[in-house]
Amino acid sequence: MHPKTSSFARMIDISKKIPLRNKGKLEYLPIENVEHIEAARNYSIIHALNGTNWVSSKTLQAFDDLLNPSSQFLRLHRSYLVNLSLIVDCFYENDSFVVLLRNQKKIRVARRHIKRVRSTVMNVNCT
């Protein structure tokens, strides 16, 4: 890892967990327990599989840069990074291409990402 890499990046790389503050206490969320991460200005909302939402001061781009090498997460839109293992379907709906997650949540895919999303989730029946 590059010497100038942040301690945040090193923590994620070593432990495969995301360090998060909760009421002043540091907690760790395993990467595989993250459903998706949503942009909220200069913050990110991390949606866990158990329904818990965490707010992080890291931007979505920071999470994309850190999690992308794992190939476990896919950028769908400027506002969403999704756990690939939770995508159950992808299809066109009302002139938009969307992915359907295991919990039935639909997330729209940006036009510029459609081709990459479709090729990445080939094992899912995308129509």
Protein backbone atom coordinates (compact mmCIF):
# COMPACT_ATOMS: atom_id res chain seq x y z
CA MET A 1 0.00 0.00 0.00
CA HIS A 2 1.24 3.49 -0.82
CA PRO A 3 2.95 5.27 2.14
CA LYS A 4 0.59 8.26 1.86
CA THR A 5 -2.53 6.09 2.06
CA SER A 6 -4.82 7.22 4.86
CA SER A 7 -5.19 5.28 8.08
CA PHE A 8 -8.87 4.86 7.14
CA ALA A 9 -7.85 3.04 3.95
CA ARG A 10 -5.35 0.87 5.83
CA MET A 11 -8.01 -0.08 8.41
CA ILE A 12 -10.42 -1.21 5.71
CA ASP A 13 -7.73 -3.07 3.77
CA ILE A 14 -6.41 -4.96 6.80
CA SER A 15 -9.65 -5.83 8.58
CA LYS A 16 -12.22 -5.90 5.75
CA LYS A 17 -14.36 -3.82 8.10
CA ILE A 18 -15.40 -0.19 7.91
CA PRO A 19 -14.59 1.84 11.05
CA LEU A 20 -17.60 3.95 12.05
CA ARG A 21 -18.28 6.25 14.99
CA ASN A 22 -21.46 5.67 16.96
CA LYS A 23 -22.11 7.98 19.91
CA GLY A 24 -18.39 8.69 20.23
CA LYS A 25 -17.49 5.01 20.18
CA LEU A 26 -15.61 3.35 17.31
CA GLU A 27 -17.43 0.35 15.86
CA TYR A 28 -16.54 -1.86 12.89
CA LEU A 29 -18.98 -2.94 10.20
CA PRO A 30 -17.85 -5.95 8.12
CA ILE A 31 -17.83 -5.04 4.43
CA GLU A 32 -20.01 -8.05 3.57
CA ASN A 33 -22.72 -6.64 5.89
CA VAL A 34 -23.02 -3.45 3.81
CA GLU A 35 -26.04 -3.42 1.50
CA HIS A 36 -25.32 -0.13 -0.22
CA ILE A 37 -23.76 3.26 0.40
CA GLU A 38 -25.60 6.42 -0.52
CA ALA A 39 -24.16 9.90 -1.07
CA ALA A 40 -25.47 12.74 1.07
CA ARG A 41 -23.46 15.83 0.08
CA ASN A 42 -20.02 15.45 1.70
CA TYR A 43 -21.20 12.55 3.83
CA SER A 44 -22.22 8.99 3.09
CA ILE A 45 -25.05 6.93 4.50
CA ILE A 46 -24.06 3.30 4.91
CA HIS A 47 -27.05 0.95 4.79
CA ALA A 48 -26.34 -2.31 6.62
CA LEU A 49 -28.09 -5.61 5.95
CA ASN A 50 -29.69 -5.54 9.40
CA GLY A 51 -31.47 -2.27 8.55
CA THR A 52 -29.12 -0.01 10.51
CA ASN A 53 -27.99 3.18 8.80
CA TRP A 54 -24.65 4.77 9.60
CA VAL A 55 -23.52 8.27 8.63
CA SER A 56 -19.87 8.71 7.71
CA SER A 57 -17.92 11.89 7.06
CA LYS A 58 -16.24 10.11 4.12
CA THR A 59 -17.58 10.88 0.64
CA LEU A 60 -19.05 8.25 -1.63
CA GLN A 61 -16.03 8.70 -3.91
CA ALA A 62 -13.73 7.84 -0.98
CA PHE A 63 -15.69 4.64 -0.35
CA ASP A 64 -15.67 3.83 -4.08
CA ASP A 65 -11.89 4.24 -4.21
CA LEU A 66 -11.42 2.07 -1.12
CA LEU A 67 -13.93 -0.68 -1.88
CA ASN A 68 -13.55 -0.92 -5.65
CA PRO A 69 -10.42 -3.15 -5.58
CA SER A 70 -12.47 -5.78 -3.74
CA SER A 71 -14.83 -5.99 -6.75
CA GLN A 72 -17.61 -6.54 -4.24
CA PHE A 73 -19.18 -3.12 -4.81
CA LEU A 74 -20.43 -1.48 -7.97
CA ARG A 75 -21.04 2.21 -8.65
CA LEU A 76 -24.52 2.57 -10.18
CA HIS A 77 -24.98 6.28 -10.03
CA ARG A 78 -23.24 9.32 -8.59
CA SER A 79 -25.26 8.69 -5.44
CA TYR A 80 -25.04 4.90 -5.01
CA LEU A 81 -22.48 2.18 -4.44
CA VAL A 82 -24.07 -1.29 -4.16
CA ASN A 83 -22.96 -4.67 -2.83
CA LEU A 84 -22.88 -6.86 -5.96
CA SER A 85 -23.89 -10.02 -4.12
CA LEU A 86 -27.25 -8.44 -3.23
CA ILE A 87 -28.37 -7.64 -6.79
CA VAL A 88 -31.11 -10.08 -7.76
CA ASP A 89 -32.30 -8.52 -11.02
CA CYS A 90 -31.86 -5.55 -13.34
CA PHE A 91 -34.33 -4.26 -15.88
CA TYR A 92 -35.87 -1.23 -17.57
CA GLU A 93 -38.73 0.47 -15.74
CA ASN A 94 -40.33 3.75 -16.80
CA ASP A 95 -37.48 4.56 -19.22
CA SER A 96 -34.85 3.99 -16.52
CA PHE A 97 -32.54 1.04 -15.99
CA VAL A 98 -32.77 -0.16 -12.39
CA VAL A 99 -31.27 -2.88 -10.22
CA LEU A 100 -33.35 -4.77 -7.72
CA LEU A 101 -31.72 -5.68 -4.43
CA ARG A 102 -32.53 -8.70 -2.28
CA ASN A 103 -34.68 -6.52 0.03
CA GLN A 104 -36.76 -5.41 -3.01
CA LYS A 105 -35.23 -1.91 -3.03
CA LYS A 106 -34.86 -0.52 -6.56
CA ILE A 107 -31.94 1.72 -7.43
CA ARG A 108 -31.71 3.59 -10.72
CA VAL A 109 -28.55 3.15 -12.79
CA ALA A 110 -27.08 6.22 -14.46
CA ARG A 111 -27.13 6.02 -18.27
CA ARG A 112 -23.36 6.15 -18.49
CA HIS A 113 -23.05 3.13 -16.16
CA ILE A 114 -25.65 0.83 -17.78
CA LYS A 115 -23.27 -1.04 -20.09
CA ARG A 116 -20.75 -1.67 -17.30
CA VAL A 117 -23.45 -2.71 -14.83
CA ARG A 118 -25.01 -5.14 -17.29
CA SER A 119 -21.66 -6.74 -18.12
CA THR A 120 -20.64 -6.93 -14.46
CA VAL A 121 -23.83 -8.63 -13.33
CA MET A 122 -24.01 -11.07 -16.26
CA ASN A 123 -24.92 -13.89 -13.88
CA VAL A 124 -28.08 -11.95 -13.01
CA ASN A 125 -30.86 -12.00 -15.59
CA CYS A 126 -30.75 -8.40 -16.83
CA THR A 127 -33.41 -7.57 -19.38
